[in-house]
């Protein structure tokens, strides 16, 4: 079994696990971990990698289950994220093709982070023509057993490797192998799913 955390625009590795592994579960019963892809995405800009973080209510409280994490709209983070994503990817080969599928994610409001993340996941898998790969979701903590691939703790070593593809600012910044799936989708479009299937896990 592959155990995944909920992810805000998960990384290429996160999506490769879903595309390649038949027994995936997203654990929303685990405790929220700060500074992780649970509410962060990495994109490529003209100045290099940029981190975008969805704002949360009371994110500093210890031992909060992921399923209870609420989004905080007191700051205009949705507008800032979409503006950064448009600026970074509007010249990518597939931005015009996919932008309308995702734009309203930044004008609507979700109460809970996991609901927002699941909507992003569903739309992304549909765009990858992999809707049937939607993982199971566990509302209670999933105990890992021997042989399970547990991606909740990123301190563990990973053998992940993705074949290089042409990123938007390839003429000025080096290839970044594990950005948000948004990067791969905007740069490779319909070929993105095949690239994920060929990743080494």
C-alpha atoms as a PDB file:
ATOM      1  CA  UNK A   1       0.000   0.000   0.000  1.00  0.00           C
ATOM      2  CA  UNK A   2       1.078   3.573  -0.701  1.00  0.00           C
ATOM      3  CA  UNK A   3       0.113   6.072   2.019  1.00  0.00           C
ATOM      4  CA  UNK A   4      -0.025   9.690   0.903  1.00  0.00           C
ATOM      5  CA  UNK A   5      -0.675  12.918   2.775  1.00  0.00           C
ATOM      6  CA  UNK A   6      -3.295  15.255   1.398  1.00  0.00           C
ATOM      7  CA  UNK A   7      -1.470  17.656  -0.918  1.00  0.00           C
ATOM      8  CA  UNK A   8      -2.078  21.122  -2.349  1.00  0.00           C
ATOM      9  CA  UNK A   9      -1.158  20.673  -6.009  1.00  0.00           C
ATOM     10  CA  UNK A  10       0.954  17.611  -5.130  1.00  0.00           C
ATOM     11  CA  UNK A  11       4.429  17.103  -6.527  1.00  0.00           C
ATOM     12  CA  UNK A  12       5.294  15.024  -9.571  1.00  0.00           C
ATOM     13  CA  UNK A  13       6.340  12.208  -7.228  1.00  0.00           C
ATOM     14  CA  UNK A  14       3.007  12.379  -5.375  1.00  0.00           C
ATOM     15  CA  UNK A  15       1.090  12.035  -8.648  1.00  0.00           C
ATOM     16  CA  UNK A  16       3.428   9.365 -10.015  1.00  0.00           C
ATOM     17  CA  UNK A  17       2.542   7.233  -6.991  1.00  0.00           C
ATOM     18  CA  UNK A  18      -1.147   7.608  -7.741  1.00  0.00           C
ATOM     19  CA  UNK A  19      -0.725   6.857 -11.444  1.00  0.00           C
ATOM     20  CA  UNK A  20       1.554   3.840 -10.927  1.00  0.00           C
ATOM     21  CA  UNK A  21       0.327   2.227  -7.695  1.00  0.00           C
ATOM     22  CA  UNK A  22      -2.923   0.289  -7.494  1.00  0.00           C
ATOM     23  CA  UNK A  23      -3.333   0.520  -3.711  1.00  0.00           C
ATOM     24  CA  UNK A  24      -3.096   4.184  -2.677  1.00  0.00           C
ATOM     25  CA  UNK A  25      -4.755   5.872   0.265  1.00  0.00           C
ATOM     26  CA  UNK A  26      -4.759   9.549   1.259  1.00  0.00           C
ATOM     27  CA  UNK A  27      -4.571   9.855   5.031  1.00  0.00           C
ATOM     28  CA  UNK A  28      -6.601  12.822   6.304  1.00  0.00           C
ATOM     29  CA  UNK A  29      -6.627  11.453   9.848  1.00  0.00           C
ATOM     30  CA  UNK A  30      -2.914  12.174  10.321  1.00  0.00           C
ATOM     31  CA  UNK A  31      -1.822  15.318  12.133  1.00  0.00           C
ATOM     32  CA  UNK A  32      -1.132  18.397  10.018  1.00  0.00           C
ATOM     33  CA  UNK A  33       2.579  18.985   9.353  1.00  0.00           C
ATOM     34  CA  UNK A  34       3.744  22.556   8.835  1.00  0.00           C
ATOM     35  CA  UNK A  35       5.937  23.533   5.882  1.00  0.00           C
ATOM     36  CA  UNK A  36       4.915  20.529   3.788  1.00  0.00           C
ATOM     37  CA  UNK A  37       3.078  19.937   0.531  1.00  0.00           C
ATOM     38  CA  UNK A  38      -0.143  19.525   2.524  1.00  0.00           C
ATOM     39  CA  UNK A  39      -0.684  23.248   1.943  1.00  0.00           C
ATOM     40  CA  UNK A  40       2.328  24.205  -0.213  1.00  0.00           C
ATOM     41  CA  UNK A  41       3.146  23.953  -3.897  1.00  0.00           C
ATOM     42  CA  UNK A  42       6.394  24.674  -5.736  1.00  0.00           C
ATOM     43  CA  UNK A  43       6.304  26.330  -9.147  1.00  0.00           C
ATOM     44  CA  UNK A  44       9.015  27.603 -11.480  1.00  0.00           C
ATOM     45  CA  UNK A  45       9.338  31.308 -12.195  1.00  0.00           C
ATOM     46  CA  UNK A  46      11.829  33.396 -14.156  1.00  0.00           C
ATOM     47  CA  UNK A  47      13.746  33.842 -10.895  1.00  0.00           C
ATOM     48  CA  UNK A  48      13.732  30.145  -9.971  1.00  0.00           C
ATOM     49  CA  UNK A  49      11.511  28.050  -7.731  1.00  0.00           C
ATOM     50  CA  UNK A  50       8.709  29.724  -5.776  1.00  0.00           C
ATOM     51  CA  UNK A  51       6.754  28.331  -2.831  1.00  0.00           C
ATOM     52  CA  UNK A  52       3.057  29.146  -2.593  1.00  0.00           C
ATOM     53  CA  UNK A  53       1.305  28.347   0.701  1.00  0.00           C
ATOM     54  CA  UNK A  54      -2.445  28.146   1.248  1.00  0.00           C
ATOM     55  CA  UNK A  55      -3.219  30.119   4.413  1.00  0.00           C
ATOM     56  CA  UNK A  56      -4.679  28.167   7.325  1.00  0.00           C
ATOM     57  CA  UNK A  57      -6.495  29.046  10.524  1.00  0.00           C
ATOM     58  CA  UNK A  58      -4.594  28.210  13.719  1.00  0.00           C
ATOM     59  CA  UNK A  59      -1.843  26.334  11.852  1.00  0.00           C
ATOM     60  CA  UNK A  60       0.458  26.650  14.876  1.00  0.00           C
ATOM     61  CA  UNK A  61      -1.714  24.562  17.158  1.00  0.00           C
ATOM     62  CA  UNK A  62      -0.102  21.168  17.765  1.00  0.00           C
ATOM     63  CA  UNK A  63      -1.588  17.803  16.814  1.00  0.00           C
ATOM     64  CA  UNK A  64      -4.428  18.952  14.603  1.00  0.00           C
ATOM     65  CA  UNK A  65      -5.871  16.292  12.292  1.00  0.00           C
ATOM     66  CA  UNK A  66      -5.576  17.206   8.613  1.00  0.00           C
ATOM     67  CA  UNK A  67      -9.329  16.724   8.161  1.00  0.00           C
ATOM     68  CA  UNK A  68      -9.949  19.632  10.591  1.00  0.00           C
ATOM     69  CA  UNK A  69      -7.621  22.203   9.021  1.00  0.00           C
ATOM     70  CA  UNK A  70      -9.604  25.240   7.892  1.00  0.00           C
ATOM     71  CA  UNK A  71      -8.550  27.689   5.198  1.00  0.00           C
ATOM     72  CA  UNK A  72      -7.999  31.305   6.216  1.00  0.00           C
ATOM     73  CA  UNK A  73      -9.225  33.972   3.805  1.00  0.00           C
ATOM     74  CA  UNK A  74      -8.214  37.021   5.876  1.00  0.00           C
ATOM     75  CA  UNK A  75      -5.396  37.545   3.358  1.00  0.00           C
ATOM     76  CA  UNK A  76      -5.755  37.437  -0.429  1.00  0.00           C
ATOM     77  CA  UNK A  77      -3.638  34.316  -0.896  1.00  0.00           C
ATOM     78  CA  UNK A  78      -5.907  32.832  -3.582  1.00  0.00           C
ATOM     79  CA  UNK A  79      -5.516  35.942  -5.740  1.00  0.00           C
ATOM     80  CA  UNK A  80      -1.751  35.973  -5.107  1.00  0.00           C
ATOM     81  CA  UNK A  81      -1.396  32.291  -6.012  1.00  0.00           C
ATOM     82  CA  UNK A  82      -3.368  32.496  -9.251  1.00  0.00           C
ATOM     83  CA  UNK A  83      -1.558  35.694 -10.274  1.00  0.00           C
ATOM     84  CA  UNK A  84       1.804  33.964  -9.695  1.00  0.00           C
ATOM     85  CA  UNK A  85       0.692  30.848 -11.590  1.00  0.00           C
ATOM     86  CA  UNK A  86      -0.564  32.866 -14.554  1.00  0.00           C
ATOM     87  CA  UNK A  87       2.605  34.956 -14.618  1.00  0.00           C
ATOM     88  CA  UNK A  88       4.826  31.866 -14.487  1.00  0.00           C
ATOM     89  CA  UNK A  89       2.949  29.671 -16.976  1.00  0.00           C
ATOM     90  CA  UNK A  90       0.986  31.846 -19.409  1.00  0.00           C
ATOM     91  CA  UNK A  91       3.706  31.276 -22.024  1.00  0.00           C
ATOM     92  CA  UNK A  92       3.774  27.501 -21.449  1.00  0.00           C
ATOM     93  CA  UNK A  93       2.518  25.291 -24.294  1.00  0.00           C
ATOM     94  CA  UNK A  94      -0.663  24.140 -22.515  1.00  0.00           C
ATOM     95  CA  UNK A  95      -1.685  27.025 -20.267  1.00  0.00           C
ATOM     96  CA  UNK A  96      -4.444  28.239 -22.580  1.00  0.00           C
ATOM     97  CA  UNK A  97      -5.755  24.685 -22.895  1.00  0.00           C
ATOM     98  CA  UNK A  98      -6.016  24.019 -19.142  1.00  0.00           C
ATOM     99  CA  UNK A  99      -6.349  27.406 -17.404  1.00  0.00           C
ATOM    100  CA  UNK A 100     -10.144  27.532 -17.529  1.00  0.00           C
ATOM    101  CA  UNK A 101     -10.342  24.158 -15.753  1.00  0.00           C
ATOM    102  CA  UNK A 102      -8.574  25.551 -12.707  1.00  0.00           C
ATOM    103  CA  UNK A 103      -9.217  29.322 -12.580  1.00  0.00           C
ATOM    104  CA  UNK A 104     -12.352  29.076 -10.450  1.00  0.00           C
ATOM    105  CA  UNK A 105     -10.381  27.251  -7.751  1.00  0.00           C
ATOM    106  CA  UNK A 106      -9.050  30.711  -6.940  1.00  0.00           C
ATOM    107  CA  UNK A 107     -12.374  32.571  -6.884  1.00  0.00           C
ATOM    108  CA  UNK A 108     -14.449  30.084  -4.832  1.00  0.00           C
ATOM    109  CA  UNK A 109     -13.983  29.378  -1.139  1.00  0.00           C
ATOM    110  CA  UNK A 110     -13.648  26.023   0.583  1.00  0.00           C
ATOM    111  CA  UNK A 111     -13.902  25.709   4.346  1.00  0.00           C
ATOM    112  CA  UNK A 112     -11.494  22.801   4.770  1.00  0.00           C
ATOM    113  CA  UNK A 113      -8.047  22.340   3.227  1.00  0.00           C
ATOM    114  CA  UNK A 114      -8.640  18.636   2.492  1.00  0.00           C
ATOM    115  CA  UNK A 115     -11.804  19.423   0.491  1.00  0.00           C
ATOM    116  CA  UNK A 116      -9.883  22.000  -1.528  1.00  0.00           C
ATOM    117  CA  UNK A 117      -7.022  19.562  -2.105  1.00  0.00           C
ATOM    118  CA  UNK A 118      -9.420  16.789  -3.168  1.00  0.00           C
ATOM    119  CA  UNK A 119     -11.086  19.078  -5.714  1.00  0.00           C
ATOM    120  CA  UNK A 120      -7.676  19.976  -7.170  1.00  0.00           C
ATOM    121  CA  UNK A 121      -6.792  16.266  -7.289  1.00  0.00           C
ATOM    122  CA  UNK A 122     -10.026  15.301  -9.056  1.00  0.00           C
ATOM    123  CA  UNK A 123      -9.629  17.999 -11.709  1.00  0.00           C
ATOM    124  CA  UNK A 124      -5.960  17.196 -12.230  1.00  0.00           C
ATOM    125  CA  UNK A 125      -6.567  13.468 -12.640  1.00  0.00           C
ATOM    126  CA  UNK A 126      -9.347  14.256 -15.129  1.00  0.00           C
ATOM    127  CA  UNK A 127      -6.939  16.504 -17.060  1.00  0.00           C
ATOM    128  CA  UNK A 128      -4.390  13.666 -17.065  1.00  0.00           C
ATOM    129  CA  UNK A 129      -7.116  11.281 -18.329  1.00  0.00           C
ATOM    130  CA  UNK A 130      -6.542   9.260 -15.154  1.00  0.00           C
ATOM    131  CA  UNK A 131      -9.827   9.919 -13.305  1.00  0.00           C
ATOM    132  CA  UNK A 132     -10.122   6.202 -12.545  1.00  0.00           C
ATOM    133  CA  UNK A 133      -6.946   6.447 -10.429  1.00  0.00           C
ATOM    134  CA  UNK A 134      -8.635   8.469  -7.670  1.00  0.00           C
ATOM    135  CA  UNK A 135      -7.191   7.096  -4.398  1.00  0.00           C
ATOM    136  CA  UNK A 136      -9.150   5.968  -1.371  1.00  0.00           C
ATOM    137  CA  UNK A 137      -9.360   8.405   1.557  1.00  0.00           C
ATOM    138  CA  UNK A 138      -8.990   7.451   5.216  1.00  0.00           C
ATOM    139  CA  UNK A 139     -10.439   9.746   7.892  1.00  0.00           C
ATOM    140  CA  UNK A 140      -8.574   7.858  10.623  1.00  0.00           C
ATOM    141  CA  UNK A 141      -4.801   7.562  10.915  1.00  0.00           C
ATOM    142  CA  UNK A 142      -3.368   4.815   8.700  1.00  0.00           C
ATOM    143  CA  UNK A 143      -0.800   2.628  10.437  1.00  0.00           C
ATOM    144  CA  UNK A 144       2.015   1.779   8.031  1.00  0.00           C
ATOM    145  CA  UNK A 145       3.166  -1.836   7.958  1.00  0.00           C
ATOM    146  CA  UNK A 146       6.276  -3.434   6.520  1.00  0.00           C
ATOM    147  CA  UNK A 147       6.295  -3.099   2.760  1.00  0.00           C
ATOM    148  CA  UNK A 148       4.096   0.014   2.682  1.00  0.00           C
ATOM    149  CA  UNK A 149       5.376   3.125   0.910  1.00  0.00           C
ATOM    150  CA  UNK A 150       4.680   5.924   3.395  1.00  0.00           C
ATOM    151  CA  UNK A 151       5.077   9.388   1.865  1.00  0.00           C
ATOM    152  CA  UNK A 152       3.742  11.245   4.907  1.00  0.00           C
ATOM    153  CA  UNK A 153       7.269  11.648   6.287  1.00  0.00           C
ATOM    154  CA  UNK A 154       9.428  13.322   3.643  1.00  0.00           C
ATOM    155  CA  UNK A 155      12.553  12.943   5.793  1.00  0.00           C
ATOM    156  CA  UNK A 156      12.784   9.392   4.536  1.00  0.00           C
ATOM    157  CA  UNK A 157      14.982   8.830   1.516  1.00  0.00           C
ATOM    158  CA  UNK A 158      13.386   8.643  -1.906  1.00  0.00           C
ATOM    159  CA  UNK A 159      14.572   7.063  -5.142  1.00  0.00           C
ATOM    160  CA  UNK A 160      12.172   9.192  -7.197  1.00  0.00           C
ATOM    161  CA  UNK A 161      13.433  10.235 -10.617  1.00  0.00           C
ATOM    162  CA  UNK A 162      11.592  11.873 -13.498  1.00  0.00           C
ATOM    163  CA  UNK A 163      12.848  12.252 -17.059  1.00  0.00           C
ATOM    164  CA  UNK A 164      13.740  15.858 -17.827  1.00  0.00           C
ATOM    165  CA  UNK A 165      11.127  17.822 -19.751  1.00  0.00           C
ATOM    166  CA  UNK A 166      11.303  21.372 -21.086  1.00  0.00           C
ATOM    167  CA  UNK A 167      10.221  23.767 -18.354  1.00  0.00           C
ATOM    168  CA  UNK A 168       9.067  27.311 -19.086  1.00  0.00           C
ATOM    169  CA  UNK A 169      12.285  29.070 -18.089  1.00  0.00           C
ATOM    170  CA  UNK A 170      14.699  26.347 -19.219  1.00  0.00           C
ATOM    171  CA  UNK A 171      16.832  28.977 -20.957  1.00  0.00           C
ATOM    172  CA  UNK A 172      17.743  30.648 -17.657  1.00  0.00           C
ATOM    173  CA  UNK A 173      17.178  28.254 -14.735  1.00  0.00           C
ATOM    174  CA  UNK A 174      18.174  24.586 -14.340  1.00  0.00           C
ATOM    175  CA  UNK A 175      15.640  21.779 -14.528  1.00  0.00           C
ATOM    176  CA  UNK A 176      13.775  21.182 -11.251  1.00  0.00           C
ATOM    177  CA  UNK A 177      12.699  17.537 -11.077  1.00  0.00           C
ATOM    178  CA  UNK A 178       9.900  17.497  -8.509  1.00  0.00           C
ATOM    179  CA  UNK A 179       7.799  20.622  -8.795  1.00  0.00           C
ATOM    180  CA  UNK A 180       4.026  20.737  -8.468  1.00  0.00           C
ATOM    181  CA  UNK A 181       2.031  18.693 -10.979  1.00  0.00           C
ATOM    182  CA  UNK A 182       0.854  22.077 -12.312  1.00  0.00           C
ATOM    183  CA  UNK A 183       4.305  22.579 -13.834  1.00  0.00           C
ATOM    184  CA  UNK A 184       4.324  19.213 -15.610  1.00  0.00           C
ATOM    185  CA  UNK A 185       0.757  19.631 -16.847  1.00  0.00           C
ATOM    186  CA  UNK A 186       1.338  23.138 -18.228  1.00  0.00           C
ATOM    187  CA  UNK A 187       4.601  22.119 -19.934  1.00  0.00           C
ATOM    188  CA  UNK A 188       3.709  18.655 -21.246  1.00  0.00           C
ATOM    189  CA  UNK A 189      -0.092  18.556 -21.465  1.00  0.00           C
ATOM    190  CA  UNK A 190      -1.385  15.188 -22.709  1.00  0.00           C
ATOM    191  CA  UNK A 191       2.090  13.641 -22.409  1.00  0.00           C
ATOM    192  CA  UNK A 192       2.220  14.305 -18.649  1.00  0.00           C
ATOM    193  CA  UNK A 193       0.511  11.055 -17.665  1.00  0.00           C
ATOM    194  CA  UNK A 194       2.945   8.966 -19.709  1.00  0.00           C
ATOM    195  CA  UNK A 195       5.872  10.780 -18.084  1.00  0.00           C
ATOM    196  CA  UNK A 196       4.442   9.995 -14.639  1.00  0.00           C
ATOM    197  CA  UNK A 197       4.094   6.325 -15.578  1.00  0.00           C
ATOM    198  CA  UNK A 198       7.791   6.218 -16.503  1.00  0.00           C
ATOM    199  CA  UNK A 199       9.022   7.847 -13.277  1.00  0.00           C
ATOM    200  CA  UNK A 200      11.240   5.743 -11.033  1.00  0.00           C
ATOM    201  CA  UNK A 201       9.758   5.364  -7.562  1.00  0.00           C
END
